[in-house]
N, C-alpha and C. Protein backbone atom coordinates (compact mmCIF):
# COMPACT_ATOMS: atom_id res chain seq x y z
N MET A 1 -10.12 107.52 203.32
CA MET A 1 -10.35 106.41 204.22
C MET A 1 -11.38 106.79 205.26
N CYS A 2 -11.14 107.83 206.04
CA CYS A 2 -12.11 108.24 207.06
C CYS A 2 -12.88 109.44 206.57
N ARG A 3 -14.12 109.45 206.88
CA ARG A 3 -14.92 110.63 206.62
C ARG A 3 -14.64 111.63 207.72
N SER A 4 -15.29 112.76 207.68
CA SER A 4 -15.07 113.73 208.76
C SER A 4 -15.50 113.11 210.08
N ALA A 5 -14.96 113.64 211.15
CA ALA A 5 -15.23 113.06 212.46
C ALA A 5 -16.71 112.99 212.76
N SER A 6 -17.47 113.98 212.34
CA SER A 6 -18.90 113.98 212.66
C SER A 6 -19.64 112.88 211.91
N ARG A 7 -19.14 112.46 210.77
CA ARG A 7 -19.81 111.40 210.02
C ARG A 7 -19.15 110.05 210.21
N ALA A 8 -17.94 110.02 210.79
CA ALA A 8 -17.21 108.77 210.91
C ALA A 8 -17.86 107.82 211.91
N TYR A 9 -18.56 108.36 212.89
CA TYR A 9 -19.18 107.52 213.91
C TYR A 9 -20.64 107.33 213.58
N GLY A 10 -21.11 106.10 213.63
CA GLY A 10 -22.51 105.80 213.36
C GLY A 10 -23.38 106.09 214.56
N ARG A 11 -24.64 105.65 214.47
CA ARG A 11 -25.59 105.88 215.56
C ARG A 11 -25.10 105.30 216.88
N THR A 12 -24.37 104.19 216.81
CA THR A 12 -23.89 103.56 218.05
C THR A 12 -22.68 104.28 218.62
N GLY A 13 -22.12 105.22 217.87
CA GLY A 13 -20.94 105.91 218.33
C GLY A 13 -19.66 105.19 217.95
N ILE A 14 -19.76 104.07 217.25
CA ILE A 14 -18.59 103.31 216.87
C ILE A 14 -18.39 103.44 215.36
N LEU A 15 -17.17 103.72 214.99
CA LEU A 15 -16.84 103.87 213.58
C LEU A 15 -17.09 102.56 212.86
N ARG A 16 -17.74 102.63 211.76
CA ARG A 16 -17.96 101.45 210.93
C ARG A 16 -17.34 101.70 209.56
N GLY A 17 -17.09 100.65 208.85
CA GLY A 17 -16.47 100.76 207.55
C GLY A 17 -15.14 100.04 207.59
N SER A 18 -14.39 100.17 206.54
CA SER A 18 -13.16 99.40 206.46
C SER A 18 -11.95 100.28 206.72
N PHE A 19 -10.92 99.65 207.18
CA PHE A 19 -9.64 100.32 207.35
C PHE A 19 -8.70 99.66 206.37
N ARG A 20 -8.15 100.44 205.50
CA ARG A 20 -7.21 99.90 204.52
C ARG A 20 -5.88 100.59 204.69
N HIS A 21 -4.83 99.78 204.75
CA HIS A 21 -3.52 100.41 204.78
C HIS A 21 -3.05 100.60 203.35
N ASP A 22 -2.10 101.48 203.19
CA ASP A 22 -1.53 101.78 201.88
C ASP A 22 -0.96 100.50 201.29
N GLU A 23 -1.07 100.35 200.00
CA GLU A 23 -0.57 99.14 199.35
C GLU A 23 0.94 98.99 199.48
N ARG A 24 1.64 100.07 199.76
CA ARG A 24 3.09 100.01 199.89
C ARG A 24 3.45 99.56 201.31
N VAL A 25 3.19 98.32 201.60
CA VAL A 25 3.43 97.80 202.94
C VAL A 25 4.92 97.82 203.25
N GLN A 26 5.25 98.25 204.43
CA GLN A 26 6.63 98.35 204.88
C GLN A 26 7.12 96.96 205.24
N SER A 27 7.54 96.18 204.24
CA SER A 27 7.94 94.80 204.50
C SER A 27 9.37 94.68 205.00
N ASP A 28 10.11 95.77 204.94
CA ASP A 28 11.50 95.70 205.35
C ASP A 28 11.72 96.17 206.79
N VAL A 29 10.67 96.21 207.58
CA VAL A 29 10.83 96.56 208.99
C VAL A 29 11.14 95.29 209.78
N GLN A 30 11.96 95.46 210.78
CA GLN A 30 12.29 94.35 211.67
C GLN A 30 11.68 94.65 213.03
N ILE A 31 11.00 93.66 213.62
CA ILE A 31 10.42 93.82 214.96
C ILE A 31 11.40 93.22 215.96
N VAL A 32 11.80 94.03 216.94
CA VAL A 32 12.70 93.58 218.00
C VAL A 32 12.03 93.84 219.34
N LYS A 33 12.48 93.11 220.35
CA LYS A 33 11.94 93.28 221.70
C LYS A 33 13.04 93.83 222.59
N ARG A 34 12.95 95.13 222.82
CA ARG A 34 13.89 95.78 223.74
C ARG A 34 13.33 97.15 224.10
N GLN A 35 13.74 97.61 225.26
CA GLN A 35 13.26 98.92 225.72
C GLN A 35 14.15 100.03 225.16
N ASP A 36 13.51 101.12 224.76
CA ASP A 36 14.22 102.30 224.27
C ASP A 36 13.34 103.52 224.53
N PRO A 37 13.31 103.98 225.79
CA PRO A 37 12.42 105.09 226.15
C PRO A 37 12.67 106.36 225.33
N LYS A 38 13.91 106.65 224.97
CA LYS A 38 14.19 107.84 224.17
C LYS A 38 13.55 107.75 222.79
N ALA A 39 13.61 106.58 222.17
CA ALA A 39 12.98 106.40 220.87
C ALA A 39 11.46 106.49 220.99
N VAL A 40 10.90 105.94 222.07
CA VAL A 40 9.46 106.04 222.30
C VAL A 40 9.07 107.50 222.46
N GLU A 41 9.85 108.25 223.20
CA GLU A 41 9.55 109.68 223.37
C GLU A 41 9.59 110.41 222.02
N ARG A 42 10.61 110.14 221.20
CA ARG A 42 10.69 110.78 219.88
C ARG A 42 9.44 110.47 219.06
N LEU A 43 9.02 109.21 219.07
CA LEU A 43 7.81 108.83 218.33
C LEU A 43 6.58 109.58 218.84
N LEU A 44 6.40 109.59 220.15
CA LEU A 44 5.22 110.24 220.73
C LEU A 44 5.21 111.73 220.46
N ARG A 45 6.34 112.36 220.51
CA ARG A 45 6.42 113.81 220.24
C ARG A 45 6.14 114.12 218.77
N SER A 46 6.31 113.13 217.90
CA SER A 46 6.01 113.33 216.48
C SER A 46 4.52 113.12 216.19
N LEU A 47 3.75 112.78 217.22
CA LEU A 47 2.32 112.49 217.08
C LEU A 47 1.49 113.36 218.02
N PRO A 48 1.57 114.68 217.90
CA PRO A 48 0.86 115.55 218.86
C PRO A 48 -0.65 115.44 218.80
N ASP A 49 -1.21 115.01 217.68
CA ASP A 49 -2.67 114.85 217.60
C ASP A 49 -3.16 113.67 218.43
N TRP A 50 -2.26 112.75 218.77
CA TRP A 50 -2.62 111.60 219.60
C TRP A 50 -2.02 111.71 221.00
N PHE A 51 -0.85 112.29 221.10
CA PHE A 51 -0.12 112.32 222.37
C PHE A 51 0.26 113.75 222.74
N GLY A 52 -0.69 114.64 222.66
CA GLY A 52 -0.44 116.06 222.90
C GLY A 52 -0.56 116.48 224.36
N ILE A 53 -0.99 115.59 225.23
CA ILE A 53 -1.09 115.93 226.65
C ILE A 53 0.23 115.55 227.30
N GLU A 54 0.99 116.54 227.72
CA GLU A 54 2.36 116.33 228.20
C GLU A 54 2.42 115.33 229.35
N GLU A 55 1.51 115.42 230.29
CA GLU A 55 1.53 114.51 231.43
C GLU A 55 1.37 113.05 230.97
N SER A 56 0.47 112.81 230.04
CA SER A 56 0.29 111.45 229.51
C SER A 56 1.53 110.99 228.75
N LEU A 57 2.08 111.88 227.95
CA LEU A 57 3.27 111.54 227.17
C LEU A 57 4.41 111.13 228.09
N THR A 58 4.65 111.91 229.14
CA THR A 58 5.75 111.58 230.05
C THR A 58 5.48 110.27 230.81
N GLU A 59 4.22 109.99 231.10
CA GLU A 59 3.89 108.69 231.73
C GLU A 59 4.20 107.53 230.79
N TYR A 60 3.86 107.68 229.50
CA TYR A 60 4.18 106.62 228.53
C TYR A 60 5.70 106.43 228.42
N VAL A 61 6.44 107.52 228.41
CA VAL A 61 7.90 107.42 228.33
C VAL A 61 8.44 106.71 229.57
N SER A 62 7.91 107.04 230.73
CA SER A 62 8.30 106.35 231.96
C SER A 62 7.95 104.87 231.87
N ASP A 63 6.76 104.56 231.35
CA ASP A 63 6.36 103.16 231.19
C ASP A 63 7.32 102.41 230.27
N ALA A 64 7.88 103.13 229.29
CA ALA A 64 8.79 102.50 228.33
C ALA A 64 10.10 102.06 228.97
N THR A 65 10.35 102.50 230.20
CA THR A 65 11.56 102.06 230.89
C THR A 65 11.38 100.71 231.55
N ASN A 66 10.11 100.29 231.79
CA ASN A 66 9.93 99.02 232.52
C ASN A 66 8.91 98.07 231.90
N LYS A 67 8.15 98.48 230.92
CA LYS A 67 7.18 97.57 230.30
C LYS A 67 7.84 96.84 229.12
N PRO A 68 7.45 95.58 228.90
CA PRO A 68 7.94 94.89 227.70
C PRO A 68 7.58 95.71 226.46
N THR A 69 8.56 95.83 225.56
CA THR A 69 8.43 96.72 224.43
C THR A 69 8.78 96.01 223.13
N TYR A 70 7.97 96.26 222.11
CA TYR A 70 8.23 95.81 220.75
C TYR A 70 8.57 97.05 219.94
N LEU A 71 9.69 97.02 219.21
CA LEU A 71 10.07 98.14 218.38
C LEU A 71 10.13 97.71 216.93
N ALA A 72 9.66 98.58 216.04
CA ALA A 72 9.79 98.36 214.60
C ALA A 72 10.99 99.19 214.15
N LEU A 73 11.96 98.52 213.53
CA LEU A 73 13.17 99.18 213.08
C LEU A 73 13.19 99.23 211.55
N SER A 74 13.58 100.38 211.03
CA SER A 74 13.76 100.50 209.58
C SER A 74 15.06 99.80 209.19
N THR A 75 15.33 99.72 207.89
CA THR A 75 16.57 99.08 207.44
C THR A 75 17.80 99.82 207.95
N SER A 76 17.66 101.11 208.25
CA SER A 76 18.79 101.88 208.80
C SER A 76 18.93 101.71 210.31
N GLY A 77 17.98 101.01 210.94
CA GLY A 77 18.02 100.80 212.38
C GLY A 77 17.24 101.83 213.18
N ALA A 78 16.62 102.79 212.49
CA ALA A 78 15.82 103.80 213.18
C ALA A 78 14.52 103.18 213.71
N VAL A 79 14.12 103.60 214.90
CA VAL A 79 12.86 103.13 215.47
C VAL A 79 11.72 103.90 214.79
N VAL A 80 10.85 103.15 214.09
CA VAL A 80 9.73 103.77 213.37
C VAL A 80 8.37 103.38 213.96
N GLY A 81 8.38 102.53 214.98
CA GLY A 81 7.15 102.14 215.64
C GLY A 81 7.46 101.50 216.97
N ALA A 82 6.49 101.57 217.89
CA ALA A 82 6.68 100.98 219.21
C ALA A 82 5.35 100.49 219.76
N LEU A 83 5.42 99.40 220.49
CA LEU A 83 4.26 98.85 221.20
C LEU A 83 4.73 98.48 222.60
N LEU A 84 4.03 98.99 223.60
CA LEU A 84 4.29 98.60 224.99
C LEU A 84 3.15 97.71 225.44
N MET A 85 3.48 96.70 226.23
CA MET A 85 2.42 95.79 226.69
C MET A 85 2.44 95.64 228.19
N THR A 86 1.26 95.28 228.72
CA THR A 86 1.09 95.02 230.14
C THR A 86 0.43 93.66 230.27
N ARG A 87 0.98 92.83 231.12
CA ARG A 87 0.39 91.52 231.40
C ARG A 87 -0.34 91.64 232.73
N HIS A 88 -1.69 91.66 232.69
CA HIS A 88 -2.47 91.84 233.91
C HIS A 88 -2.62 90.54 234.69
N PHE A 89 -2.94 89.47 234.00
CA PHE A 89 -3.16 88.15 234.59
C PHE A 89 -2.59 87.13 233.61
N PRO A 90 -2.44 85.87 234.02
CA PRO A 90 -1.88 84.87 233.10
C PRO A 90 -2.67 84.76 231.78
N GLY A 91 -3.97 84.95 231.84
CA GLY A 91 -4.78 84.78 230.63
C GLY A 91 -5.13 86.05 229.90
N SER A 92 -4.59 87.20 230.32
CA SER A 92 -4.94 88.46 229.65
C SER A 92 -3.74 89.41 229.57
N ALA A 93 -3.76 90.24 228.55
CA ALA A 93 -2.70 91.23 228.36
C ALA A 93 -3.28 92.45 227.68
N GLU A 94 -2.58 93.56 227.83
CA GLU A 94 -3.04 94.82 227.25
C GLU A 94 -1.99 95.38 226.30
N MET A 95 -2.46 95.86 225.16
CA MET A 95 -1.62 96.67 224.29
C MET A 95 -1.66 98.07 224.89
N HIS A 96 -0.67 98.40 225.69
CA HIS A 96 -0.66 99.62 226.48
C HIS A 96 -0.43 100.86 225.61
N LEU A 97 0.38 100.71 224.58
CA LEU A 97 0.72 101.82 223.70
C LEU A 97 1.08 101.27 222.33
N LEU A 98 0.61 101.92 221.30
CA LEU A 98 1.01 101.62 219.94
C LEU A 98 1.23 102.95 219.24
N ALA A 99 2.42 103.17 218.72
CA ALA A 99 2.73 104.42 218.03
C ALA A 99 3.61 104.12 216.82
N VAL A 100 3.32 104.80 215.72
CA VAL A 100 4.08 104.63 214.49
C VAL A 100 4.43 106.01 213.95
N ASP A 101 5.64 106.14 213.44
CA ASP A 101 6.08 107.39 212.81
C ASP A 101 4.99 107.88 211.86
N PRO A 102 4.54 109.14 212.02
CA PRO A 102 3.41 109.62 211.21
C PRO A 102 3.68 109.61 209.71
N SER A 103 4.92 109.72 209.30
CA SER A 103 5.22 109.68 207.86
C SER A 103 5.11 108.28 207.29
N LEU A 104 4.94 107.28 208.17
CA LEU A 104 4.86 105.89 207.73
C LEU A 104 3.52 105.24 208.09
N HIS A 105 2.53 106.05 208.45
CA HIS A 105 1.20 105.49 208.73
C HIS A 105 0.66 104.79 207.49
N ARG A 106 -0.14 103.76 207.74
CA ARG A 106 -0.83 103.01 206.69
C ARG A 106 0.13 102.23 205.79
N ARG A 107 1.22 101.81 206.38
CA ARG A 107 2.20 101.01 205.63
C ARG A 107 2.41 99.63 206.24
N GLY A 108 1.58 99.27 207.22
CA GLY A 108 1.64 97.94 207.80
C GLY A 108 2.53 97.81 209.03
N ILE A 109 3.11 98.92 209.49
CA ILE A 109 4.01 98.84 210.65
C ILE A 109 3.24 98.58 211.93
N GLY A 110 2.14 99.28 212.14
CA GLY A 110 1.31 99.04 213.32
C GLY A 110 0.77 97.62 213.32
N ARG A 111 0.34 97.16 212.17
CA ARG A 111 -0.16 95.78 212.04
C ARG A 111 0.95 94.78 212.37
N ALA A 112 2.16 95.01 211.87
CA ALA A 112 3.28 94.10 212.14
C ALA A 112 3.58 94.04 213.63
N LEU A 113 3.58 95.20 214.29
CA LEU A 113 3.81 95.23 215.74
C LEU A 113 2.70 94.49 216.49
N ALA A 114 1.45 94.79 216.14
CA ALA A 114 0.31 94.17 216.83
C ALA A 114 0.29 92.66 216.60
N GLU A 115 0.58 92.22 215.39
CA GLU A 115 0.56 90.78 215.11
C GLU A 115 1.66 90.04 215.85
N GLU A 116 2.85 90.65 215.95
CA GLU A 116 3.94 90.02 216.71
C GLU A 116 3.55 89.88 218.18
N PHE A 117 3.00 90.96 218.75
CA PHE A 117 2.50 90.95 220.13
C PHE A 117 1.45 89.86 220.30
N GLU A 118 0.48 89.79 219.40
CA GLU A 118 -0.60 88.81 219.51
C GLU A 118 -0.05 87.39 219.42
N ARG A 119 0.90 87.14 218.50
CA ARG A 119 1.49 85.80 218.39
C ARG A 119 2.19 85.41 219.70
N ASP A 120 2.96 86.35 220.24
CA ASP A 120 3.67 86.06 221.49
C ASP A 120 2.70 85.76 222.62
N MET A 121 1.66 86.55 222.73
CA MET A 121 0.69 86.36 223.81
C MET A 121 -0.05 85.03 223.63
N ALA A 122 -0.46 84.71 222.42
CA ALA A 122 -1.15 83.44 222.17
C ALA A 122 -0.25 82.26 222.53
N SER A 123 1.02 82.35 222.15
CA SER A 123 1.92 81.23 222.45
C SER A 123 2.22 81.11 223.95
N ASP A 124 1.96 82.19 224.69
CA ASP A 124 2.18 82.17 226.13
C ASP A 124 0.89 81.91 226.91
N GLY A 125 -0.17 81.51 226.22
CA GLY A 125 -1.40 81.13 226.90
C GLY A 125 -2.39 82.25 227.14
N VAL A 126 -2.12 83.44 226.64
CA VAL A 126 -3.08 84.55 226.81
C VAL A 126 -4.29 84.28 225.92
N ARG A 127 -5.46 84.49 226.49
CA ARG A 127 -6.71 84.28 225.75
C ARG A 127 -7.44 85.58 225.44
N LEU A 128 -7.15 86.64 226.18
CA LEU A 128 -7.90 87.89 226.00
C LEU A 128 -6.94 89.08 225.97
N LEU A 129 -7.09 89.89 224.93
CA LEU A 129 -6.30 91.11 224.78
C LEU A 129 -7.20 92.32 224.96
N GLU A 130 -6.60 93.39 225.45
CA GLU A 130 -7.32 94.64 225.67
C GLU A 130 -6.50 95.78 225.09
N VAL A 131 -7.19 96.78 224.59
CA VAL A 131 -6.54 98.03 224.19
C VAL A 131 -7.51 99.16 224.54
N LYS A 132 -6.95 100.29 224.93
CA LYS A 132 -7.77 101.46 225.26
C LYS A 132 -7.45 102.57 224.26
N THR A 133 -8.47 103.31 223.88
CA THR A 133 -8.29 104.47 223.02
C THR A 133 -9.34 105.51 223.38
N GLN A 134 -9.23 106.67 222.77
CA GLN A 134 -10.23 107.71 223.06
C GLN A 134 -11.61 107.23 222.62
N GLY A 135 -12.59 107.47 223.46
CA GLY A 135 -13.95 107.00 223.21
C GLY A 135 -14.71 107.84 222.20
N PRO A 136 -15.75 107.25 221.63
CA PRO A 136 -16.52 107.91 220.58
C PRO A 136 -17.41 109.05 221.06
N SER A 137 -17.59 109.21 222.37
CA SER A 137 -18.43 110.32 222.82
C SER A 137 -17.72 111.66 222.63
N ARG A 138 -16.44 111.62 222.30
CA ARG A 138 -15.71 112.83 221.92
C ARG A 138 -15.07 112.58 220.56
N PRO A 139 -15.86 112.74 219.48
CA PRO A 139 -15.36 112.42 218.14
C PRO A 139 -14.11 113.21 217.77
N ASP A 140 -13.20 112.52 217.12
CA ASP A 140 -11.94 113.10 216.68
C ASP A 140 -11.49 112.31 215.45
N GLU A 141 -11.14 113.00 214.39
CA GLU A 141 -10.78 112.34 213.14
C GLU A 141 -9.58 111.41 213.31
N ASN A 142 -8.58 111.83 214.07
CA ASN A 142 -7.40 110.99 214.27
C ASN A 142 -7.75 109.72 215.04
N TYR A 143 -8.55 109.87 216.08
CA TYR A 143 -8.93 108.69 216.84
C TYR A 143 -9.95 107.82 216.10
N ALA A 144 -10.68 108.41 215.17
CA ALA A 144 -11.56 107.60 214.31
C ALA A 144 -10.71 106.65 213.48
N THR A 145 -9.59 107.14 212.99
CA THR A 145 -8.65 106.31 212.22
C THR A 145 -8.06 105.23 213.12
N THR A 146 -7.69 105.60 214.34
CA THR A 146 -7.14 104.63 215.29
C THR A 146 -8.16 103.54 215.58
N LEU A 147 -9.40 103.93 215.83
CA LEU A 147 -10.44 102.96 216.11
C LEU A 147 -10.68 102.05 214.91
N ALA A 148 -10.67 102.61 213.72
CA ALA A 148 -10.84 101.79 212.51
C ALA A 148 -9.73 100.75 212.41
N PHE A 149 -8.52 101.12 212.77
CA PHE A 149 -7.40 100.18 212.76
C PHE A 149 -7.67 99.02 213.73
N TYR A 150 -8.04 99.35 214.97
CA TYR A 150 -8.28 98.29 215.96
C TYR A 150 -9.45 97.38 215.55
N LEU A 151 -10.49 97.95 214.99
CA LEU A 151 -11.61 97.14 214.52
C LEU A 151 -11.16 96.20 213.40
N ALA A 152 -10.34 96.71 212.48
CA ALA A 152 -9.82 95.89 211.39
C ALA A 152 -8.91 94.78 211.91
N MET A 153 -8.29 95.00 213.07
CA MET A 153 -7.43 93.99 213.68
C MET A 153 -8.23 92.96 214.48
N GLY A 154 -9.55 93.12 214.53
CA GLY A 154 -10.39 92.14 215.21
C GLY A 154 -10.76 92.49 216.64
N TYR A 155 -10.44 93.68 217.10
CA TYR A 155 -10.82 94.11 218.45
C TYR A 155 -12.28 94.56 218.43
N GLU A 156 -12.97 94.30 219.52
CA GLU A 156 -14.38 94.66 219.65
C GLU A 156 -14.57 95.63 220.81
N PRO A 157 -15.38 96.67 220.61
CA PRO A 157 -15.66 97.60 221.72
C PRO A 157 -16.36 96.88 222.87
N LEU A 158 -15.89 97.13 224.08
CA LEU A 158 -16.49 96.53 225.26
C LEU A 158 -17.22 97.56 226.09
N ASP A 159 -16.58 98.71 226.34
CA ASP A 159 -17.18 99.71 227.21
C ASP A 159 -16.51 101.05 226.99
N GLU A 160 -17.27 102.11 227.18
CA GLU A 160 -16.71 103.46 227.18
C GLU A 160 -16.85 104.01 228.60
N ILE A 161 -15.72 104.45 229.15
CA ILE A 161 -15.71 105.00 230.50
C ILE A 161 -15.39 106.49 230.39
N LEU A 162 -16.34 107.31 230.80
CA LEU A 162 -16.20 108.74 230.59
C LEU A 162 -15.19 109.40 231.51
N ASP A 163 -14.95 108.84 232.70
CA ASP A 163 -14.04 109.50 233.64
C ASP A 163 -12.77 108.69 233.93
N TYR A 164 -12.41 107.78 233.07
CA TYR A 164 -11.19 106.98 233.26
C TYR A 164 -9.96 107.87 233.14
N TRP A 165 -9.93 108.70 232.09
CA TRP A 165 -8.86 109.69 231.89
C TRP A 165 -9.44 111.06 232.19
N PRO A 166 -8.64 111.96 232.72
CA PRO A 166 -9.18 113.28 233.11
C PRO A 166 -9.76 114.09 231.95
N GLU A 167 -9.17 114.00 230.76
CA GLU A 167 -9.59 114.91 229.69
C GLU A 167 -10.32 114.24 228.53
N ASN A 168 -10.35 112.91 228.50
CA ASN A 168 -10.94 112.21 227.36
C ASN A 168 -11.70 110.97 227.82
N PRO A 169 -12.77 110.63 227.10
CA PRO A 169 -13.44 109.36 227.39
C PRO A 169 -12.56 108.20 226.92
N CYS A 170 -12.67 107.08 227.58
CA CYS A 170 -11.85 105.90 227.28
C CYS A 170 -12.72 104.78 226.72
N LEU A 171 -12.39 104.32 225.53
CA LEU A 171 -13.06 103.18 224.94
C LEU A 171 -12.18 101.96 225.16
N ILE A 172 -12.72 100.92 225.77
CA ILE A 172 -12.00 99.67 225.98
C ILE A 172 -12.44 98.70 224.89
N LEU A 173 -11.45 98.16 224.19
CA LEU A 173 -11.70 97.16 223.16
C LEU A 173 -11.01 95.87 223.57
N VAL A 174 -11.58 94.73 223.20
CA VAL A 174 -11.00 93.44 223.54
C VAL A 174 -10.95 92.55 222.30
N LYS A 175 -10.07 91.56 222.39
CA LYS A 175 -9.94 90.57 221.31
C LYS A 175 -9.67 89.22 221.95
N VAL A 176 -10.41 88.22 221.54
CA VAL A 176 -10.21 86.86 222.02
C VAL A 176 -9.20 86.18 221.11
N LEU A 177 -8.18 85.57 221.71
CA LEU A 177 -7.17 84.83 220.96
C LEU A 177 -7.48 83.34 220.94
N ASN A 178 -7.03 82.64 219.94
CA ASN A 178 -7.18 81.19 219.82
C ASN A 178 -8.63 80.74 219.80
N GLY A 179 -9.55 81.65 219.51
CA GLY A 179 -10.95 81.26 219.40
C GLY A 179 -11.61 80.81 220.68
N ARG A 180 -10.95 81.04 221.83
CA ARG A 180 -11.53 80.63 223.12
C ARG A 180 -11.91 81.85 223.91
N PRO A 181 -13.03 81.80 224.64
CA PRO A 181 -13.40 82.94 225.49
C PRO A 181 -12.50 83.06 226.70
């Protein structure tokens, strides 16, 4: 799916190409809306290539105690994915965190979480969504895959801020809902 990190980013610094999830889509996941900081922490700790900075990880876990949360549950009830959201203004919202059990990547769980979030936001009058990820000025194969996912979901790069996070550049992506600016 992704080429090496050095080739994954084009001249513009943005990954181009397609993102395909595995054909074995996880159709038996249930999306629920409830907070579960311990489950979020377990997920993040299983993803050290994305959430390996302890201070950031603990901030996300703290956020999971008070931010609206979408959880993907397996048929056994185990949390296999999580999305935290932030509502900045009536017309905009942010996908603050998206994490999926690494053994279940590319099975449609992240897409199911993002689509549920997007449906809810659209029905509540939100017109603009935002997500932040590591920027392309510091190429990384794992984040190249993450960026490919967001691009496939219809998010567009808006800006890269080099000093937003202490250790990594921040790429801001946006998506317009309901076809309105």
